[in-house]
């Protein structure tokens, strides 16, 4: 039997619309998995209260027949997306204590469509790295194990890749300057897209190289990536 946190976006969307599952149930399954997966060091700022509030709102929208594709889908958000009132450190001690008074365009669009934020995800400091070993939070760990070694999930979106691969969330946001979505997706066996420059707004995203950075989806399947990119 597939646990709710193991569903794809597409399967969860259909289950939510048919009434087979609720957004609250999906969110609780992910929050439980996140706590059990602390050893991966993927989630660095957990937001269970926000998640459950958003999930209840999503359930009400679904019941009313107002359910965009991402409504009720629990996500992890890379730590360089500004999230109002929630720590947004970009993996750096320099921004310790920074709680933005505004929301990034990407997270605004996701939340407006009813998506649920489970928390913020580990990353290389200011996205400068390809192994998630430059983070102030410590290394993110690849959930794929062949022995006792802790393998890298890649970077800079290492926490995003690890969380999706370990079914801690149904999908995650990432950013890619020179491979920071695509490389960790490859390291962890998930799907990541760097959209064409300008396709996704960079507003409210802590910059590495403004002329190259692009936000994009990190998901379990190609179909999910298409849904989330929309």
C-alpha atoms as a PDB file:
ATOM      1  CA  UNK A   1       0.000   0.000   0.000  1.00  0.00           C
ATOM      2  CA  UNK A   2       1.304   3.437  -0.950  1.00  0.00           C
ATOM      3  CA  UNK A   3       1.506   5.871   1.952  1.00  0.00           C
ATOM      4  CA  UNK A   4       0.072   9.316   1.267  1.00  0.00           C
ATOM      5  CA  UNK A   5       3.489  11.010   1.408  1.00  0.00           C
ATOM      6  CA  UNK A   6       4.693   8.672  -1.364  1.00  0.00           C
ATOM      7  CA  UNK A   7       2.079   9.865  -3.871  1.00  0.00           C
ATOM      8  CA  UNK A   8       2.942  11.884  -6.947  1.00  0.00           C
ATOM      9  CA  UNK A   9       1.361  15.310  -7.429  1.00  0.00           C
ATOM     10  CA  UNK A  10      -0.872  13.883 -10.163  1.00  0.00           C
ATOM     11  CA  UNK A  11      -2.067  10.976  -8.015  1.00  0.00           C
ATOM     12  CA  UNK A  12      -2.588  13.191  -4.963  1.00  0.00           C
ATOM     13  CA  UNK A  13      -4.521  15.760  -7.014  1.00  0.00           C
ATOM     14  CA  UNK A  14      -6.881  13.041  -8.250  1.00  0.00           C
ATOM     15  CA  UNK A  15      -7.286  11.577  -4.753  1.00  0.00           C
ATOM     16  CA  UNK A  16      -8.073  15.008  -3.315  1.00  0.00           C
ATOM     17  CA  UNK A  17     -10.675  15.776  -5.978  1.00  0.00           C
ATOM     18  CA  UNK A  18     -12.342  12.379  -5.621  1.00  0.00           C
ATOM     19  CA  UNK A  19     -12.464  12.638  -1.826  1.00  0.00           C
ATOM     20  CA  UNK A  20     -10.241   9.595  -1.300  1.00  0.00           C
ATOM     21  CA  UNK A  21      -7.834  11.743   0.727  1.00  0.00           C
ATOM     22  CA  UNK A  22      -7.790  15.191   2.286  1.00  0.00           C
ATOM     23  CA  UNK A  23      -5.088  17.817   2.140  1.00  0.00           C
ATOM     24  CA  UNK A  24      -4.897  17.623   5.922  1.00  0.00           C
ATOM     25  CA  UNK A  25      -4.241  13.869   5.764  1.00  0.00           C
ATOM     26  CA  UNK A  26      -1.586  14.372   3.077  1.00  0.00           C
ATOM     27  CA  UNK A  27       0.086  17.092   5.102  1.00  0.00           C
ATOM     28  CA  UNK A  28       0.071  15.058   8.321  1.00  0.00           C
ATOM     29  CA  UNK A  29       1.655  12.113   6.471  1.00  0.00           C
ATOM     30  CA  UNK A  30       4.443  14.377   5.229  1.00  0.00           C
ATOM     31  CA  UNK A  31       4.991  16.036   8.614  1.00  0.00           C
ATOM     32  CA  UNK A  32       5.345  12.591  10.189  1.00  0.00           C
ATOM     33  CA  UNK A  33       7.830  11.555   7.501  1.00  0.00           C
ATOM     34  CA  UNK A  34       9.805  14.792   7.959  1.00  0.00           C
ATOM     35  CA  UNK A  35      10.226  14.172  11.687  1.00  0.00           C
ATOM     36  CA  UNK A  36      11.266  10.567  11.017  1.00  0.00           C
ATOM     37  CA  UNK A  37      13.736  11.766   8.375  1.00  0.00           C
ATOM     38  CA  UNK A  38      15.659  14.276  10.510  1.00  0.00           C
ATOM     39  CA  UNK A  39      18.869  12.320   9.848  1.00  0.00           C
ATOM     40  CA  UNK A  40      18.822  13.518   6.238  1.00  0.00           C
ATOM     41  CA  UNK A  41      19.036  17.167   7.402  1.00  0.00           C
ATOM     42  CA  UNK A  42      16.803  18.157   4.476  1.00  0.00           C
ATOM     43  CA  UNK A  43      14.259  20.344   6.312  1.00  0.00           C
ATOM     44  CA  UNK A  44      15.977  23.119   8.265  1.00  0.00           C
ATOM     45  CA  UNK A  45      12.952  25.238   9.261  1.00  0.00           C
ATOM     46  CA  UNK A  46       9.780  23.228   9.841  1.00  0.00           C
ATOM     47  CA  UNK A  47       6.431  25.050   9.577  1.00  0.00           C
ATOM     48  CA  UNK A  48       3.791  22.539  10.729  1.00  0.00           C
ATOM     49  CA  UNK A  49       1.341  25.192  11.962  1.00  0.00           C
ATOM     50  CA  UNK A  50       1.413  27.039   8.629  1.00  0.00           C
ATOM     51  CA  UNK A  51       1.152  23.728   6.770  1.00  0.00           C
ATOM     52  CA  UNK A  52      -1.945  22.562   8.633  1.00  0.00           C
ATOM     53  CA  UNK A  53      -3.618  25.976   8.286  1.00  0.00           C
ATOM     54  CA  UNK A  54      -2.975  25.948   4.532  1.00  0.00           C
ATOM     55  CA  UNK A  55      -4.136  22.324   4.286  1.00  0.00           C
ATOM     56  CA  UNK A  56      -7.452  23.105   5.994  1.00  0.00           C
ATOM     57  CA  UNK A  57      -7.955  26.058   3.631  1.00  0.00           C
ATOM     58  CA  UNK A  58      -7.174  23.781   0.670  1.00  0.00           C
ATOM     59  CA  UNK A  59      -9.722  21.223   1.865  1.00  0.00           C
ATOM     60  CA  UNK A  60     -12.366  23.948   1.988  1.00  0.00           C
ATOM     61  CA  UNK A  61     -11.492  25.049  -1.566  1.00  0.00           C
ATOM     62  CA  UNK A  62     -11.643  21.489  -2.857  1.00  0.00           C
ATOM     63  CA  UNK A  63     -15.005  20.916  -1.169  1.00  0.00           C
ATOM     64  CA  UNK A  64     -16.290  24.105  -2.810  1.00  0.00           C
ATOM     65  CA  UNK A  65     -15.152  22.883  -6.223  1.00  0.00           C
ATOM     66  CA  UNK A  66     -12.354  25.458  -6.495  1.00  0.00           C
ATOM     67  CA  UNK A  67      -9.308  23.217  -6.816  1.00  0.00           C
ATOM     68  CA  UNK A  68      -6.372  24.282  -9.013  1.00  0.00           C
ATOM     69  CA  UNK A  69      -3.902  21.514  -9.835  1.00  0.00           C
ATOM     70  CA  UNK A  70      -1.582  22.318  -6.898  1.00  0.00           C
ATOM     71  CA  UNK A  71      -4.368  22.777  -4.335  1.00  0.00           C
ATOM     72  CA  UNK A  72      -3.604  20.770  -1.213  1.00  0.00           C
ATOM     73  CA  UNK A  73      -0.185  19.554  -2.422  1.00  0.00           C
ATOM     74  CA  UNK A  74       2.455  19.594   0.372  1.00  0.00           C
ATOM     75  CA  UNK A  75       5.751  21.130  -0.747  1.00  0.00           C
ATOM     76  CA  UNK A  76       9.203  21.897   0.595  1.00  0.00           C
ATOM     77  CA  UNK A  77      10.590  25.372  -0.172  1.00  0.00           C
ATOM     78  CA  UNK A  78      14.294  25.969  -0.764  1.00  0.00           C
ATOM     79  CA  UNK A  79      15.723  28.274   1.896  1.00  0.00           C
ATOM     80  CA  UNK A  80      16.502  31.121  -0.529  1.00  0.00           C
ATOM     81  CA  UNK A  81      12.842  31.827  -1.384  1.00  0.00           C
ATOM     82  CA  UNK A  82      11.573  34.643   0.810  1.00  0.00           C
ATOM     83  CA  UNK A  83       8.603  33.420   2.828  1.00  0.00           C
ATOM     84  CA  UNK A  84       6.757  36.000   4.895  1.00  0.00           C
ATOM     85  CA  UNK A  85       7.457  35.653   8.610  1.00  0.00           C
ATOM     86  CA  UNK A  86       9.447  32.437   8.130  1.00  0.00           C
ATOM     87  CA  UNK A  87      13.267  32.221   8.355  1.00  0.00           C
ATOM     88  CA  UNK A  88      14.833  32.616   4.908  1.00  0.00           C
ATOM     89  CA  UNK A  89      18.596  32.306   5.381  1.00  0.00           C
ATOM     90  CA  UNK A  90      19.839  30.969   2.029  1.00  0.00           C
ATOM     91  CA  UNK A  91      21.902  28.505   4.050  1.00  0.00           C
ATOM     92  CA  UNK A  92      23.969  31.320   5.590  1.00  0.00           C
ATOM     93  CA  UNK A  93      24.680  32.585   9.091  1.00  0.00           C
ATOM     94  CA  UNK A  94      24.728  36.084   7.587  1.00  0.00           C
ATOM     95  CA  UNK A  95      20.936  36.001   7.265  1.00  0.00           C
ATOM     96  CA  UNK A  96      20.302  34.316  10.613  1.00  0.00           C
ATOM     97  CA  UNK A  97      17.122  35.745  12.106  1.00  0.00           C
ATOM     98  CA  UNK A  98      15.915  37.209   8.797  1.00  0.00           C
ATOM     99  CA  UNK A  99      12.152  36.792   8.527  1.00  0.00           C
ATOM    100  CA  UNK A 100      10.961  38.575   5.375  1.00  0.00           C
ATOM    101  CA  UNK A 101       7.993  40.938   5.454  1.00  0.00           C
ATOM    102  CA  UNK A 102       7.080  39.830   1.938  1.00  0.00           C
ATOM    103  CA  UNK A 103       6.553  36.667  -0.099  1.00  0.00           C
ATOM    104  CA  UNK A 104       8.490  35.651  -3.218  1.00  0.00           C
ATOM    105  CA  UNK A 105       6.507  35.578  -6.460  1.00  0.00           C
ATOM    106  CA  UNK A 106       7.050  31.817  -6.800  1.00  0.00           C
ATOM    107  CA  UNK A 107       5.712  31.011  -3.335  1.00  0.00           C
ATOM    108  CA  UNK A 108       2.906  33.543  -3.751  1.00  0.00           C
ATOM    109  CA  UNK A 109       1.740  31.786  -6.915  1.00  0.00           C
ATOM    110  CA  UNK A 110       2.009  28.362  -5.287  1.00  0.00           C
ATOM    111  CA  UNK A 111       0.111  29.425  -2.158  1.00  0.00           C
ATOM    112  CA  UNK A 112      -2.520  31.256  -4.234  1.00  0.00           C
ATOM    113  CA  UNK A 113      -3.152  27.947  -5.990  1.00  0.00           C
ATOM    114  CA  UNK A 114      -3.624  26.230  -2.629  1.00  0.00           C
ATOM    115  CA  UNK A 115      -0.236  24.544  -2.201  1.00  0.00           C
ATOM    116  CA  UNK A 116       0.972  23.743   1.326  1.00  0.00           C
ATOM    117  CA  UNK A 117       4.380  24.755   2.755  1.00  0.00           C
ATOM    118  CA  UNK A 118       5.869  22.090   5.028  1.00  0.00           C
ATOM    119  CA  UNK A 119       9.027  24.089   5.723  1.00  0.00           C
ATOM    120  CA  UNK A 120      12.290  25.388   4.317  1.00  0.00           C
ATOM    121  CA  UNK A 121      14.946  23.142   2.784  1.00  0.00           C
ATOM    122  CA  UNK A 122      18.703  22.865   3.174  1.00  0.00           C
ATOM    123  CA  UNK A 123      21.012  24.245   0.474  1.00  0.00           C
ATOM    124  CA  UNK A 124      24.588  25.348  -0.160  1.00  0.00           C
ATOM    125  CA  UNK A 125      25.242  28.804   1.295  1.00  0.00           C
ATOM    126  CA  UNK A 126      23.850  31.424  -1.110  1.00  0.00           C
ATOM    127  CA  UNK A 127      23.512  28.548  -3.632  1.00  0.00           C
ATOM    128  CA  UNK A 128      27.291  28.501  -4.064  1.00  0.00           C
ATOM    129  CA  UNK A 129      28.124  24.803  -4.157  1.00  0.00           C
ATOM    130  CA  UNK A 130      27.261  21.510  -5.784  1.00  0.00           C
ATOM    131  CA  UNK A 131      27.311  19.089  -2.840  1.00  0.00           C
ATOM    132  CA  UNK A 132      25.322  20.846  -0.062  1.00  0.00           C
ATOM    133  CA  UNK A 133      28.474  20.923   2.090  1.00  0.00           C
ATOM    134  CA  UNK A 134      28.723  24.735   2.389  1.00  0.00           C
ATOM    135  CA  UNK A 135      25.465  25.117   4.352  1.00  0.00           C
ATOM    136  CA  UNK A 136      25.362  26.728   7.781  1.00  0.00           C
ATOM    137  CA  UNK A 137      22.960  23.927   8.743  1.00  0.00           C
ATOM    138  CA  UNK A 138      25.440  21.188   7.933  1.00  0.00           C
ATOM    139  CA  UNK A 139      25.373  18.659   5.121  1.00  0.00           C
ATOM    140  CA  UNK A 140      22.196  17.385   3.531  1.00  0.00           C
ATOM    141  CA  UNK A 141      22.288  13.610   3.098  1.00  0.00           C
ATOM    142  CA  UNK A 142      21.288  11.556   0.060  1.00  0.00           C
ATOM    143  CA  UNK A 143      18.557   9.063   1.065  1.00  0.00           C
ATOM    144  CA  UNK A 144      19.984   6.456  -1.341  1.00  0.00           C
ATOM    145  CA  UNK A 145      22.243   4.175   0.709  1.00  0.00           C
ATOM    146  CA  UNK A 146      24.590   1.375  -0.374  1.00  0.00           C
ATOM    147  CA  UNK A 147      26.572   1.207   2.882  1.00  0.00           C
ATOM    148  CA  UNK A 148      27.189   3.287   5.999  1.00  0.00           C
ATOM    149  CA  UNK A 149      28.596   6.277   4.136  1.00  0.00           C
ATOM    150  CA  UNK A 150      26.598   9.498   3.983  1.00  0.00           C
ATOM    151  CA  UNK A 151      26.471  10.379   0.290  1.00  0.00           C
ATOM    152  CA  UNK A 152      25.862  13.845  -1.098  1.00  0.00           C
ATOM    153  CA  UNK A 153      22.504  14.604  -2.726  1.00  0.00           C
ATOM    154  CA  UNK A 154      24.262  17.202  -4.895  1.00  0.00           C
ATOM    155  CA  UNK A 155      23.660  20.920  -4.720  1.00  0.00           C
ATOM    156  CA  UNK A 156      22.918  23.622  -4.329  1.00  0.00           C
ATOM    157  CA  UNK A 157      19.318  22.339  -4.038  1.00  0.00           C
ATOM    158  CA  UNK A 158      20.479  19.328  -2.030  1.00  0.00           C
ATOM    159  CA  UNK A 159      17.802  19.564   0.635  1.00  0.00           C
ATOM    160  CA  UNK A 160      15.098  19.784  -2.029  1.00  0.00           C
ATOM    161  CA  UNK A 161      16.427  16.721  -3.846  1.00  0.00           C
ATOM    162  CA  UNK A 162      16.839  14.700  -0.660  1.00  0.00           C
ATOM    163  CA  UNK A 163      13.361  15.585   0.618  1.00  0.00           C
ATOM    164  CA  UNK A 164      11.615  14.631  -2.632  1.00  0.00           C
ATOM    165  CA  UNK A 165      13.598  11.411  -3.072  1.00  0.00           C
ATOM    166  CA  UNK A 166      12.837  10.368   0.529  1.00  0.00           C
ATOM    167  CA  UNK A 167       9.099  11.139   0.174  1.00  0.00           C
ATOM    168  CA  UNK A 168       9.229  13.815   2.870  1.00  0.00           C
ATOM    169  CA  UNK A 169       7.215  16.054   0.537  1.00  0.00           C
ATOM    170  CA  UNK A 170       5.413  15.534  -2.762  1.00  0.00           C
ATOM    171  CA  UNK A 171       7.642  18.073  -4.528  1.00  0.00           C
ATOM    172  CA  UNK A 172       9.956  20.998  -3.814  1.00  0.00           C
ATOM    173  CA  UNK A 173      11.156  24.282  -5.239  1.00  0.00           C
ATOM    174  CA  UNK A 174      14.743  24.619  -6.379  1.00  0.00           C
ATOM    175  CA  UNK A 175      16.909  27.164  -8.149  1.00  0.00           C
ATOM    176  CA  UNK A 176      19.460  26.544 -10.875  1.00  0.00           C
ATOM    177  CA  UNK A 177      22.332  28.832 -11.865  1.00  0.00           C
ATOM    178  CA  UNK A 178      24.725  26.325 -13.419  1.00  0.00           C
ATOM    179  CA  UNK A 179      23.093  23.013 -12.551  1.00  0.00           C
ATOM    180  CA  UNK A 180      21.719  23.419  -9.025  1.00  0.00           C
ATOM    181  CA  UNK A 181      18.374  21.795  -9.858  1.00  0.00           C
ATOM    182  CA  UNK A 182      19.467  19.347 -12.539  1.00  0.00           C
ATOM    183  CA  UNK A 183      22.566  17.917 -10.835  1.00  0.00           C
ATOM    184  CA  UNK A 184      20.965  17.099  -7.456  1.00  0.00           C
ATOM    185  CA  UNK A 185      17.919  15.692  -9.261  1.00  0.00           C
ATOM    186  CA  UNK A 186      20.280  13.346 -11.103  1.00  0.00           C
ATOM    187  CA  UNK A 187      22.117  12.440  -7.866  1.00  0.00           C
ATOM    188  CA  UNK A 188      18.869  11.396  -6.161  1.00  0.00           C
ATOM    189  CA  UNK A 189      16.877   9.867  -9.013  1.00  0.00           C
ATOM    190  CA  UNK A 190      14.157  12.516  -9.230  1.00  0.00           C
ATOM    191  CA  UNK A 191      13.100  15.019 -11.934  1.00  0.00           C
ATOM    192  CA  UNK A 192      14.286  18.619 -12.031  1.00  0.00           C
ATOM    193  CA  UNK A 193      13.761  21.349 -14.616  1.00  0.00           C
ATOM    194  CA  UNK A 194      15.673  24.577 -15.112  1.00  0.00           C
ATOM    195  CA  UNK A 195      13.072  26.620 -17.011  1.00  0.00           C
ATOM    196  CA  UNK A 196      14.033  28.991 -19.790  1.00  0.00           C
ATOM    197  CA  UNK A 197      15.405  32.217 -18.290  1.00  0.00           C
ATOM    198  CA  UNK A 198      12.521  34.584 -17.564  1.00  0.00           C
ATOM    199  CA  UNK A 199       9.852  31.874 -17.560  1.00  0.00           C
ATOM    200  CA  UNK A 200       9.692  32.013 -13.733  1.00  0.00           C
ATOM    201  CA  UNK A 201       9.958  35.194 -11.680  1.00  0.00           C
ATOM    202  CA  UNK A 202      13.099  35.671  -9.564  1.00  0.00           C
ATOM    203  CA  UNK A 203      11.416  38.291  -7.350  1.00  0.00           C
ATOM    204  CA  UNK A 204      11.984  37.444  -3.693  1.00  0.00           C
ATOM    205  CA  UNK A 205      14.679  34.856  -4.472  1.00  0.00           C
ATOM    206  CA  UNK A 206      18.085  35.480  -2.870  1.00  0.00           C
ATOM    207  CA  UNK A 207      20.374  35.869  -5.886  1.00  0.00           C
ATOM    208  CA  UNK A 208      23.561  34.001  -6.764  1.00  0.00           C
ATOM    209  CA  UNK A 209      23.973  35.249 -10.341  1.00  0.00           C
ATOM    210  CA  UNK A 210      20.958  37.276 -11.386  1.00  0.00           C
ATOM    211  CA  UNK A 211      21.500  36.832 -15.119  1.00  0.00           C
ATOM    212  CA  UNK A 212      21.566  33.024 -14.779  1.00  0.00           C
ATOM    213  CA  UNK A 213      19.376  32.056 -11.785  1.00  0.00           C
ATOM    214  CA  UNK A 214      16.077  30.330 -12.492  1.00  0.00           C
ATOM    215  CA  UNK A 215      13.567  28.804 -10.103  1.00  0.00           C
ATOM    216  CA  UNK A 216      12.065  25.487 -11.065  1.00  0.00           C
ATOM    217  CA  UNK A 217      10.279  22.353  -9.854  1.00  0.00           C
ATOM    218  CA  UNK A 218      11.863  19.273  -8.306  1.00  0.00           C
ATOM    219  CA  UNK A 219       9.425  16.377  -8.469  1.00  0.00           C
ATOM    220  CA  UNK A 220       9.019  12.600  -8.572  1.00  0.00           C
ATOM    221  CA  UNK A 221       7.919  12.392 -12.218  1.00  0.00           C
ATOM    222  CA  UNK A 222       8.064  14.373 -15.462  1.00  0.00           C
ATOM    223  CA  UNK A 223       4.280  14.770 -15.357  1.00  0.00           C
ATOM    224  CA  UNK A 224       4.516  16.284 -11.874  1.00  0.00           C
ATOM    225  CA  UNK A 225       7.184  18.716 -13.068  1.00  0.00           C
ATOM    226  CA  UNK A 226       4.847  19.884 -15.823  1.00  0.00           C
ATOM    227  CA  UNK A 227       1.964  20.365 -13.371  1.00  0.00           C
ATOM    228  CA  UNK A 228       4.088  22.319 -10.882  1.00  0.00           C
ATOM    229  CA  UNK A 229       5.792  24.448 -13.539  1.00  0.00           C
ATOM    230  CA  UNK A 230       2.365  25.511 -14.751  1.00  0.00           C
END
